[in-house]
Structures are given as C-alpha cells and as structure tokens.
Amino acid sequence: MTDADATTGSRQPSGPHLERINPTELSPPTGFSHAVTATGSRLVFLAGQTALDSGGAVVGDTLPEQFEQALANLLEALSASGGTPSDLARVTVYTTDVPAYRAHARELGAIWRRRARRDYPAMAVIGVVRLWDEQAMVELDGIAALP
C-alpha cells in the first residue's frame, strides 16, 4: 500500500482513464466503487435501459431476468458507442421493488460479473413507484468515459 492508499483507501486503476477509489474510512463496497475518477477524451451518457427486447416488449418474469436484459441493453448501447464495461464510471439502478433487489443481490452480482466483470462503477440503487413500461421492474442508466 502506498502513502496515498493509506490515507484514501484502495485505488484500482482500470486502464489509463479510470481509477476506482474506495476509502478505508467507508464501509467496504460490495458490487460497486465509492468513487471513480475519469479522465477521458469522450464521455458517453447512456439512456435508461429496461428489459425491452429488439421488438419493444419487456422480457423476463423475474427481477434477475429483467436485470440481465436491461444490463445487456445498456452494454449494447455502450459497445455501439465504442466502449466496454470497464469504461463505465457511473451506473444508476432504478427498481420498483427494493426488497426483491436486496433478496436477489447475490444473483444480480453474478449476472453483473458475468457480463461486465469486476470493474465496478460508482453505483446507486433507487426505489421508484413505476417505470415507463408498466411491466418493467428495473432500469439502468450510466455514464462511461472512453480513452
């Protein structure tokens, strides 16, 4: 651990343009980073993605199924913009059922790691009454910094 690490906690570079910072003074993060610094030549603002298939229908009967499709959609938009999951600096998750999100946290984490690996962005989970598509249980949006 460097002197900087001792005062600010864990610093994990994810390439030349993102650094994930997790101060030891805060509770250990699980599936997210407390802060992410981004120095890139291009920011990508990713619109909210639900579990819509290419035909515009919500797919998945469970929160994990919908989370996986929404994440796949977010990552597809990121890829089309020239980015990869490790370029994500911030993701916000909106859910209509926070208790279900917490109950499925391990499964959702496994889905995240399989699709986006372990370069966790700064994240927040926000409970909402409903989403644009009534059948949708979860929506993800994000910000990526491309080198």
N, C-alpha and C. Protein backbone atom coordinates (compact mmCIF):
# COMPACT_ATOMS: atom_id res chain seq x y z
N MET A 1 0.84 -1.17 0.00
CA MET A 1 0.00 0.00 0.00
C MET A 1 0.89 1.24 0.00
N THR A 2 0.60 2.19 -0.87
CA THR A 2 1.38 3.42 -0.92
C THR A 2 0.88 4.38 0.14
N ASP A 3 1.61 5.49 0.33
CA ASP A 3 1.16 6.51 1.27
C ASP A 3 -0.22 7.04 0.87
N ALA A 4 -0.46 7.19 -0.43
CA ALA A 4 -1.76 7.67 -0.89
C ALA A 4 -2.84 6.66 -0.53
N ASP A 5 -2.53 5.37 -0.66
CA ASP A 5 -3.51 4.35 -0.32
C ASP A 5 -3.83 4.37 1.16
N ALA A 6 -2.84 4.63 1.99
CA ALA A 6 -3.05 4.62 3.44
C ALA A 6 -4.04 5.71 3.86
N THR A 7 -4.05 6.83 3.16
CA THR A 7 -4.94 7.90 3.56
C THR A 7 -6.25 7.89 2.80
N THR A 8 -6.28 7.31 1.64
CA THR A 8 -7.51 7.36 0.86
C THR A 8 -8.10 5.99 0.59
N GLY A 9 -7.48 4.92 1.05
CA GLY A 9 -8.02 3.59 0.83
C GLY A 9 -7.53 2.98 -0.45
N SER A 10 -8.27 2.03 -0.93
CA SER A 10 -7.89 1.27 -2.11
C SER A 10 -8.08 2.10 -3.38
N ARG A 11 -7.07 2.10 -4.22
CA ARG A 11 -7.15 2.76 -5.52
C ARG A 11 -6.86 1.70 -6.57
N GLN A 12 -7.80 1.52 -7.49
CA GLN A 12 -7.63 0.49 -8.50
C GLN A 12 -7.73 1.10 -9.89
N PRO A 13 -6.60 1.21 -10.59
CA PRO A 13 -6.68 1.69 -11.95
C PRO A 13 -7.35 0.63 -12.83
N SER A 14 -8.18 1.07 -13.75
CA SER A 14 -8.87 0.16 -14.67
C SER A 14 -8.44 0.45 -16.08
N GLY A 15 -7.29 0.91 -16.25
CA GLY A 15 -6.82 1.35 -17.54
C GLY A 15 -6.31 2.77 -17.37
N PRO A 16 -5.93 3.40 -18.44
CA PRO A 16 -5.33 4.73 -18.31
C PRO A 16 -6.33 5.83 -17.99
N HIS A 17 -7.62 5.57 -18.02
CA HIS A 17 -8.57 6.66 -17.90
C HIS A 17 -9.54 6.57 -16.72
N LEU A 18 -9.61 5.46 -16.00
CA LEU A 18 -10.49 5.34 -14.85
C LEU A 18 -9.73 4.83 -13.64
N GLU A 19 -10.05 5.40 -12.49
CA GLU A 19 -9.48 4.93 -11.24
C GLU A 19 -10.61 4.78 -10.24
N ARG A 20 -10.74 3.60 -9.64
CA ARG A 20 -11.78 3.33 -8.67
C ARG A 20 -11.21 3.54 -7.27
N ILE A 21 -11.87 4.35 -6.47
CA ILE A 21 -11.36 4.74 -5.16
C ILE A 21 -12.34 4.29 -4.08
N ASN A 22 -11.82 3.53 -3.11
CA ASN A 22 -12.63 3.02 -2.02
C ASN A 22 -11.93 3.30 -0.70
N PRO A 23 -12.23 4.46 -0.09
CA PRO A 23 -11.56 4.86 1.16
C PRO A 23 -11.79 3.84 2.28
N THR A 24 -10.76 3.58 3.04
CA THR A 24 -10.87 2.65 4.16
C THR A 24 -11.77 3.20 5.26
N GLU A 25 -12.01 4.50 5.25
CA GLU A 25 -12.90 5.11 6.25
C GLU A 25 -14.37 4.79 5.99
N LEU A 26 -14.70 4.30 4.79
CA LEU A 26 -16.08 3.94 4.45
C LEU A 26 -16.24 2.43 4.52
N SER A 27 -17.48 1.97 4.63
CA SER A 27 -17.71 0.53 4.67
C SER A 27 -17.21 -0.09 3.37
N PRO A 28 -16.72 -1.34 3.44
CA PRO A 28 -16.21 -1.98 2.22
C PRO A 28 -17.31 -2.10 1.17
N PRO A 29 -17.03 -1.69 -0.06
CA PRO A 29 -18.04 -1.77 -1.11
C PRO A 29 -18.22 -3.21 -1.59
N THR A 30 -19.44 -3.56 -1.88
CA THR A 30 -19.74 -4.87 -2.44
C THR A 30 -20.50 -4.65 -3.74
N GLY A 31 -19.85 -4.88 -4.86
CA GLY A 31 -20.50 -4.72 -6.15
C GLY A 31 -20.59 -3.30 -6.66
N PHE A 32 -19.81 -2.40 -6.08
CA PHE A 32 -19.75 -1.02 -6.55
C PHE A 32 -18.45 -0.41 -6.05
N SER A 33 -18.12 0.78 -6.55
CA SER A 33 -17.00 1.56 -6.05
C SER A 33 -17.55 2.83 -5.42
N HIS A 34 -16.91 3.29 -4.35
CA HIS A 34 -17.37 4.52 -3.70
C HIS A 34 -17.15 5.74 -4.60
N ALA A 35 -16.07 5.76 -5.34
CA ALA A 35 -15.78 6.89 -6.23
C ALA A 35 -15.01 6.37 -7.43
N VAL A 36 -15.20 7.04 -8.54
CA VAL A 36 -14.45 6.72 -9.76
C VAL A 36 -14.02 8.04 -10.38
N THR A 37 -12.71 8.20 -10.58
CA THR A 37 -12.23 9.37 -11.30
C THR A 37 -12.09 8.97 -12.76
N ALA A 38 -12.43 9.89 -13.64
CA ALA A 38 -12.40 9.60 -15.07
C ALA A 38 -11.67 10.72 -15.79
N THR A 39 -10.68 10.33 -16.57
CA THR A 39 -10.01 11.26 -17.45
C THR A 39 -10.03 10.62 -18.82
N GLY A 40 -10.88 11.12 -19.66
CA GLY A 40 -11.01 10.55 -20.99
C GLY A 40 -11.26 11.64 -22.00
N SER A 41 -11.19 11.24 -23.24
CA SER A 41 -11.40 12.23 -24.28
C SER A 41 -12.87 12.31 -24.67
N ARG A 42 -13.67 11.32 -24.21
CA ARG A 42 -15.07 11.31 -24.61
C ARG A 42 -15.94 10.72 -23.52
N LEU A 43 -17.00 11.42 -23.14
CA LEU A 43 -17.98 10.89 -22.20
C LEU A 43 -19.16 10.34 -22.98
N VAL A 44 -19.70 9.23 -22.51
CA VAL A 44 -20.88 8.63 -23.12
C VAL A 44 -21.96 8.59 -22.05
N PHE A 45 -23.08 9.24 -22.31
CA PHE A 45 -24.22 9.25 -21.40
C PHE A 45 -25.22 8.21 -21.92
N LEU A 46 -25.43 7.17 -21.13
CA LEU A 46 -26.26 6.05 -21.55
C LEU A 46 -27.67 6.21 -21.00
N ALA A 47 -28.64 6.21 -21.90
CA ALA A 47 -30.04 6.36 -21.51
C ALA A 47 -30.50 5.16 -20.71
N GLY A 48 -31.55 5.35 -19.92
CA GLY A 48 -32.11 4.27 -19.13
C GLY A 48 -32.54 3.11 -20.01
N GLN A 49 -32.15 1.92 -19.60
CA GLN A 49 -32.48 0.70 -20.35
C GLN A 49 -33.27 -0.24 -19.44
N THR A 50 -34.41 -0.70 -19.93
CA THR A 50 -35.18 -1.71 -19.23
C THR A 50 -35.00 -3.03 -19.95
N ALA A 51 -35.83 -4.00 -19.63
CA ALA A 51 -35.70 -5.34 -20.21
C ALA A 51 -36.44 -5.46 -21.54
N LEU A 52 -36.36 -4.44 -22.36
CA LEU A 52 -37.01 -4.50 -23.67
C LEU A 52 -36.18 -5.34 -24.64
N ASP A 53 -36.88 -6.19 -25.41
CA ASP A 53 -36.20 -6.91 -26.47
C ASP A 53 -36.19 -6.01 -27.71
N SER A 54 -35.62 -6.49 -28.80
CA SER A 54 -35.49 -5.66 -30.01
C SER A 54 -36.84 -5.31 -30.62
N GLY A 55 -37.89 -6.03 -30.25
CA GLY A 55 -39.23 -5.72 -30.74
C GLY A 55 -39.99 -4.76 -29.85
N GLY A 56 -39.39 -4.34 -28.72
CA GLY A 56 -40.03 -3.38 -27.84
C GLY A 56 -40.90 -3.99 -26.75
N ALA A 57 -40.77 -5.30 -26.53
CA ALA A 57 -41.55 -5.96 -25.48
C ALA A 57 -40.66 -6.23 -24.27
N VAL A 58 -41.21 -6.04 -23.07
CA VAL A 58 -40.48 -6.36 -21.85
C VAL A 58 -40.38 -7.88 -21.73
N VAL A 59 -39.16 -8.37 -21.52
CA VAL A 59 -38.95 -9.81 -21.38
C VAL A 59 -38.46 -10.12 -19.96
N GLY A 60 -38.81 -11.29 -19.48
CA GLY A 60 -38.39 -11.73 -18.15
C GLY A 60 -39.51 -11.56 -17.14
N ASP A 61 -39.76 -12.61 -16.40
CA ASP A 61 -40.81 -12.59 -15.39
C ASP A 61 -40.28 -12.29 -14.00
N THR A 62 -38.95 -12.36 -13.83
CA THR A 62 -38.36 -12.13 -12.52
C THR A 62 -37.42 -10.93 -12.58
N LEU A 63 -37.13 -10.38 -11.43
CA LEU A 63 -36.20 -9.25 -11.36
C LEU A 63 -34.83 -9.62 -11.93
N PRO A 64 -34.24 -10.78 -11.56
CA PRO A 64 -32.95 -11.13 -12.17
C PRO A 64 -33.00 -11.27 -13.69
N GLU A 65 -34.07 -11.85 -14.22
CA GLU A 65 -34.18 -11.97 -15.68
C GLU A 65 -34.24 -10.59 -16.33
N GLN A 66 -35.02 -9.70 -15.74
CA GLN A 66 -35.12 -8.36 -16.30
C GLN A 66 -33.82 -7.57 -16.11
N PHE A 67 -33.16 -7.76 -14.98
CA PHE A 67 -31.88 -7.09 -14.75
C PHE A 67 -30.87 -7.51 -15.82
N GLU A 68 -30.82 -8.80 -16.12
CA GLU A 68 -29.86 -9.27 -17.12
C GLU A 68 -30.13 -8.66 -18.48
N GLN A 69 -31.40 -8.58 -18.88
CA GLN A 69 -31.73 -7.99 -20.18
C GLN A 69 -31.44 -6.49 -20.19
N ALA A 70 -31.79 -5.80 -19.10
CA ALA A 70 -31.53 -4.36 -19.03
C ALA A 70 -30.03 -4.08 -19.08
N LEU A 71 -29.24 -4.90 -18.36
CA LEU A 71 -27.78 -4.73 -18.40
C LEU A 71 -27.25 -5.02 -19.79
N ALA A 72 -27.76 -6.07 -20.42
CA ALA A 72 -27.33 -6.39 -21.79
C ALA A 72 -27.63 -5.22 -22.72
N ASN A 73 -28.79 -4.61 -22.56
CA ASN A 73 -29.16 -3.46 -23.40
C ASN A 73 -28.22 -2.27 -23.14
N LEU A 74 -27.92 -2.01 -21.86
CA LEU A 74 -27.01 -0.92 -21.52
C LEU A 74 -25.64 -1.17 -22.14
N LEU A 75 -25.15 -2.39 -22.01
CA LEU A 75 -23.83 -2.72 -22.55
C LEU A 75 -23.82 -2.70 -24.08
N GLU A 76 -24.93 -3.01 -24.70
CA GLU A 76 -25.03 -2.93 -26.17
C GLU A 76 -24.93 -1.47 -26.62
N ALA A 77 -25.62 -0.58 -25.93
CA ALA A 77 -25.53 0.86 -26.27
C ALA A 77 -24.11 1.36 -26.05
N LEU A 78 -23.48 0.90 -24.97
CA LEU A 78 -22.09 1.29 -24.69
C LEU A 78 -21.16 0.78 -25.78
N SER A 79 -21.32 -0.47 -26.16
CA SER A 79 -20.49 -1.06 -27.21
C SER A 79 -20.66 -0.31 -28.53
N ALA A 80 -21.90 0.03 -28.87
CA ALA A 80 -22.16 0.77 -30.11
C ALA A 80 -21.51 2.15 -30.09
N SER A 81 -21.22 2.64 -28.88
CA SER A 81 -20.54 3.93 -28.72
C SER A 81 -19.03 3.80 -28.68
N GLY A 82 -18.54 2.56 -28.78
CA GLY A 82 -17.10 2.32 -28.78
C GLY A 82 -16.53 1.98 -27.41
N GLY A 83 -17.40 1.73 -26.42
CA GLY A 83 -16.93 1.46 -25.07
C GLY A 83 -17.06 0.00 -24.66
N THR A 84 -16.47 -0.30 -23.51
CA THR A 84 -16.54 -1.63 -22.92
C THR A 84 -17.03 -1.47 -21.48
N PRO A 85 -17.42 -2.57 -20.82
CA PRO A 85 -17.89 -2.46 -19.44
C PRO A 85 -16.88 -1.77 -18.51
N SER A 86 -15.60 -1.95 -18.75
CA SER A 86 -14.60 -1.33 -17.88
C SER A 86 -14.55 0.19 -18.03
N ASP A 87 -15.23 0.74 -19.04
CA ASP A 87 -15.30 2.19 -19.23
C ASP A 87 -16.42 2.84 -18.42
N LEU A 88 -17.28 2.03 -17.80
CA LEU A 88 -18.39 2.59 -17.02
C LEU A 88 -17.86 3.28 -15.77
N ALA A 89 -18.18 4.54 -15.62
CA ALA A 89 -17.79 5.30 -14.43
C ALA A 89 -18.94 5.37 -13.43
N ARG A 90 -20.18 5.37 -13.92
CA ARG A 90 -21.36 5.52 -13.06
C ARG A 90 -22.52 4.75 -13.65
N VAL A 91 -23.25 4.02 -12.78
CA VAL A 91 -24.50 3.35 -13.17
C VAL A 91 -25.52 3.61 -12.07
N THR A 92 -26.73 3.96 -12.48
CA THR A 92 -27.84 4.09 -11.55
C THR A 92 -28.85 3.00 -11.88
N VAL A 93 -29.28 2.29 -10.84
CA VAL A 93 -30.29 1.25 -10.99
C VAL A 93 -31.57 1.76 -10.35
N TYR A 94 -32.65 1.74 -11.11
CA TYR A 94 -33.97 2.09 -10.60
C TYR A 94 -34.78 0.81 -10.53
N THR A 95 -35.42 0.55 -9.39
CA THR A 95 -36.21 -0.66 -9.27
C THR A 95 -37.54 -0.36 -8.60
N THR A 96 -38.56 -1.09 -9.02
CA THR A 96 -39.88 -0.94 -8.42
C THR A 96 -40.02 -1.79 -7.16
N ASP A 97 -38.99 -2.57 -6.83
CA ASP A 97 -39.07 -3.46 -5.66
C ASP A 97 -37.70 -3.60 -5.01
N VAL A 98 -37.36 -2.64 -4.14
CA VAL A 98 -36.06 -2.67 -3.47
C VAL A 98 -35.88 -3.93 -2.62
N PRO A 99 -36.88 -4.39 -1.86
CA PRO A 99 -36.70 -5.63 -1.10
C PRO A 99 -36.35 -6.82 -2.00
N ALA A 100 -36.97 -6.93 -3.16
CA ALA A 100 -36.64 -8.02 -4.09
C ALA A 100 -35.23 -7.85 -4.63
N TYR A 101 -34.82 -6.60 -4.89
CA TYR A 101 -33.46 -6.34 -5.37
C TYR A 101 -32.45 -6.82 -4.33
N ARG A 102 -32.71 -6.48 -3.06
CA ARG A 102 -31.82 -6.91 -1.98
C ARG A 102 -31.82 -8.43 -1.84
N ALA A 103 -33.00 -9.05 -1.95
CA ALA A 103 -33.11 -10.50 -1.81
C ALA A 103 -32.35 -11.24 -2.91
N HIS A 104 -32.27 -10.64 -4.08
CA HIS A 104 -31.58 -11.26 -5.24
C HIS A 104 -30.18 -10.69 -5.45
N ALA A 105 -29.63 -9.99 -4.46
CA ALA A 105 -28.36 -9.29 -4.63
C ALA A 105 -27.24 -10.21 -5.11
N ARG A 106 -27.13 -11.39 -4.54
CA ARG A 106 -26.06 -12.32 -4.97
C ARG A 106 -26.22 -12.72 -6.43
N GLU A 107 -27.44 -13.03 -6.82
CA GLU A 107 -27.70 -13.42 -8.21
C GLU A 107 -27.45 -12.26 -9.17
N LEU A 108 -27.87 -11.05 -8.76
CA LEU A 108 -27.64 -9.87 -9.59
C LEU A 108 -26.15 -9.59 -9.72
N GLY A 109 -25.42 -9.78 -8.62
CA GLY A 109 -23.96 -9.61 -8.66
C GLY A 109 -23.30 -10.60 -9.60
N ALA A 110 -23.79 -11.84 -9.60
CA ALA A 110 -23.23 -12.85 -10.51
C ALA A 110 -23.51 -12.48 -11.96
N ILE A 111 -24.70 -11.96 -12.22
CA ILE A 111 -25.05 -11.52 -13.58
C ILE A 111 -24.11 -10.38 -13.98
N TRP A 112 -23.91 -9.41 -13.07
CA TRP A 112 -23.02 -8.28 -13.37
C TRP A 112 -21.61 -8.79 -13.70
N ARG A 113 -21.07 -9.66 -12.85
CA ARG A 113 -19.69 -10.14 -13.07
C ARG A 113 -19.56 -10.92 -14.37
N ARG A 114 -20.58 -11.70 -14.72
CA ARG A 114 -20.53 -12.47 -15.97
C ARG A 114 -20.55 -11.54 -17.18
N ARG A 115 -21.34 -10.50 -17.11
CA ARG A 115 -21.50 -9.61 -18.27
C ARG A 115 -20.53 -8.43 -18.28
N ALA A 116 -20.20 -7.89 -17.09
CA ALA A 116 -19.41 -6.66 -17.03
C ALA A 116 -18.12 -6.81 -16.23
N ARG A 117 -17.85 -7.98 -15.73
CA ARG A 117 -16.64 -8.28 -14.95
C ARG A 117 -16.64 -7.54 -13.61
N ARG A 118 -15.46 -7.35 -13.05
CA ARG A 118 -15.35 -6.80 -11.69
C ARG A 118 -14.87 -5.36 -11.63
N ASP A 119 -14.86 -4.65 -12.74
CA ASP A 119 -14.53 -3.23 -12.73
C ASP A 119 -15.80 -2.47 -12.39
N TYR A 120 -16.09 -2.35 -11.08
CA TYR A 120 -17.36 -1.78 -10.67
C TYR A 120 -17.35 -0.26 -10.77
N PRO A 121 -18.40 0.30 -11.35
CA PRO A 121 -18.53 1.75 -11.38
C PRO A 121 -19.08 2.25 -10.05
N ALA A 122 -19.12 3.55 -9.88
CA ALA A 122 -19.88 4.13 -8.78
C ALA A 122 -21.34 3.83 -9.09
N MET A 123 -22.08 3.37 -8.08
CA MET A 123 -23.46 2.94 -8.34
C MET A 123 -24.41 3.43 -7.26
N ALA A 124 -25.67 3.50 -7.63
CA ALA A 124 -26.75 3.77 -6.69
C ALA A 124 -27.95 2.94 -7.11
N VAL A 125 -28.72 2.48 -6.13
CA VAL A 125 -29.98 1.78 -6.38
C VAL A 125 -31.07 2.67 -5.81
N ILE A 126 -32.06 3.00 -6.64
CA ILE A 126 -33.13 3.90 -6.24
C ILE A 126 -34.47 3.21 -6.43
N GLY A 127 -35.28 3.21 -5.39
CA GLY A 127 -36.63 2.66 -5.48
C GLY A 127 -37.57 3.66 -6.11
N VAL A 128 -38.39 3.18 -7.04
CA VAL A 128 -39.36 4.02 -7.74
C VAL A 128 -40.73 3.36 -7.70
N VAL A 129 -41.76 4.15 -7.87
CA VAL A 129 -43.12 3.62 -7.85
C VAL A 129 -43.38 2.77 -9.09
N ARG A 130 -42.98 3.29 -10.25
CA ARG A 130 -43.11 2.53 -11.50
C ARG A 130 -42.17 3.11 -12.53
N LEU A 131 -41.94 2.32 -13.57
CA LEU A 131 -41.09 2.75 -14.68
C LEU A 131 -41.97 3.03 -15.89
N TRP A 132 -41.38 3.55 -16.95
CA TRP A 132 -42.14 3.92 -18.14
C TRP A 132 -42.97 2.75 -18.65
N ASP A 133 -42.35 1.58 -18.78
CA ASP A 133 -43.08 0.37 -19.19
C ASP A 133 -43.60 -0.29 -17.91
N GLU A 134 -44.92 -0.41 -17.79
CA GLU A 134 -45.51 -0.90 -16.55
C GLU A 134 -44.97 -2.25 -16.11
N GLN A 135 -44.62 -3.13 -17.05
CA GLN A 135 -44.14 -4.47 -16.69
C GLN A 135 -42.68 -4.45 -16.22
N ALA A 136 -41.98 -3.36 -16.46
CA ALA A 136 -40.56 -3.28 -16.12
C ALA A 136 -40.38 -3.17 -14.61
N MET A 137 -39.44 -3.97 -14.08
CA MET A 137 -39.12 -3.96 -12.66
C MET A 137 -37.81 -3.25 -12.37
N VAL A 138 -37.00 -3.04 -13.42
CA VAL A 138 -35.67 -2.47 -13.22
C VAL A 138 -35.26 -1.70 -14.47
N GLU A 139 -34.51 -0.62 -14.23
CA GLU A 139 -33.96 0.19 -15.32
C GLU A 139 -32.56 0.62 -14.92
N LEU A 140 -31.63 0.61 -15.87
CA LEU A 140 -30.25 1.02 -15.62
C LEU A 140 -29.87 2.13 -16.58
N ASP A 141 -29.21 3.16 -16.06
CA ASP A 141 -28.59 4.15 -16.93
C ASP A 141 -27.15 4.33 -16.47
N GLY A 142 -26.35 5.02 -17.27
CA GLY A 142 -24.95 5.13 -16.88
C GLY A 142 -24.20 6.21 -17.62
N ILE A 143 -22.98 6.41 -17.14
CA ILE A 143 -22.02 7.32 -17.76
C ILE A 143 -20.71 6.56 -17.93
N ALA A 144 -20.14 6.62 -19.11
CA ALA A 144 -18.86 5.97 -19.38
C ALA A 144 -17.87 7.03 -19.85
N ALA A 145 -16.61 6.79 -19.55
CA ALA A 145 -15.52 7.65 -20.01
C ALA A 145 -14.64 6.81 -20.91
N LEU A 146 -14.54 7.20 -22.17
CA LEU A 146 -13.72 6.47 -23.13
C LEU A 146 -12.37 7.14 -23.27
N PRO A 147 -11.32 6.34 -23.43
CA PRO A 147 -9.98 6.93 -23.53
C PRO A 147 -9.82 7.75 -24.82
